[in-house]
């Protein structure tokens, strides 16, 4: 225990020494939550040491790479509110039950996933959501592949490799078992490929099971009835509810407080509401009403907000604020709208920031005040905003435009297309061809069986008829002989 404590302290010191000497690889620095974990969470550091078998240099490299990836991917900022909700609710990936060692099961229900149908970047975010959520609940999980009724169209090697890489590179010593339930024989080749991706020490963690052998790793009371167990559980996504003692709920400030630049915390309204008005009359119309769409415009990535003073007798002062002022340039971010006046505001993503996995966590707040003096000076407006509450507030989230999504998907495709992937695709093409031939052969065998049965029935019927005819002929022959005998007498 003392040796472990010393190793943990050395790993921590080594990390902060490099951080002080060289700085973080990302200009934004490491995420504050990860820095806090390194400072205060010995158990987390111990996992890196255990995964590297207490090789301090390997543990350090893994820790540094993990923190780099977490900042780049935005792992700390992922919540159920900024991932694709329908992916969470369909039930192809979810946490449920425990294995015999008391470790939570991360279930991948393969028959609900079809390769190439989902947005892979969004699917990755949903998977990381479950990793993060389960890591807050338990120390380890068992990856449970439910392959019942799955076929080649459900077998997504890219997805499985991504899962394995998360465990291997960024969630050290988080994996207990890989339980593969009811694997079809046609996927044996794929299984061999998957094994080649795992480190040697992880191979014994793989357990191939069926309904009769699952009880060796999962108690029947925890096993679903479809797995041969006794549990009636039917998946339904349930929101995570937890606090960390610092007023943080589900990774966000309690009471849904969101900090906007140059503003006190403002309580966030329900997403279904468009304006947070203090008066009954709506003053400002904004377009879009829910989310700013960002698209590539030359070398810039931009979005547009259209503001319109919908009153005919009031001048309005407006302000636009964001949770991330370092990421965006808003022009013009404030101004005066005369009655019925409309204005377009351009939001530009600053150079050095990547659109993917970034904008989901950012928010904009559009506020307005009714003016008595349409010709108020900048100083008077500043004093007015300090002394009065906004008459109306609109909140906007961010989303990627189609053109940018296409570029990201193409980029992702280029980055992940390797010779190995082409070999895998070739293997699966052959396997698919084999499965088709197998289906045709099986159909032909069934046809032949029916034909043989009909042939046997016909043979028996003909045999019976022949016996009957022969018996009748013999009987007639004997009767004729008897008649000749009688006549002769």
Foldseek 3Di string as FASTA:
>chain_A
DVVLVVLLVVLLVVLVVCCVVPNAPAPVGFDPVLNVCSVPPSLQLSLLCVLVVNPSVSSNVLSNVQRVVCVQLVLLLQFCQLADVVVLFQPQWDWFAAKPVRAIETEGAQQSAFPPPDLVLSVLSVVSNRVVVSVVVDQAYEYEYNCVPHDLRSDDLVVLLSVQCCDNRHNGPRYQAHEYEPDDPLCPVVVVVSLVSDDPVRVVRYHYYALVRRCVIHPLCRDDVVRVGDDPDDDGDDHDFDDPPPCATRSAHHLRWADWPPDDTDRDDDLVDQKPAPDPDDFKDKPPRAAWEWDDDPPWIKTKIKIWGAAQQWKKKKAKTKSCPVQKDKVPRIDIAHHGRMDMIMIIGDPPDDPRSPQSSMKMKMFMDTDPDRPDDPVRVVVVPVVDPTRMMGMYGYDYDPNVSVVVVVVVCVVPDDPVVVVVVVVSVVSVVVVVVVVVVVVVVVVVVVVVVVVVVVVVVVVVVVVVVVVVVVVVVVVVVVVVVVVVD
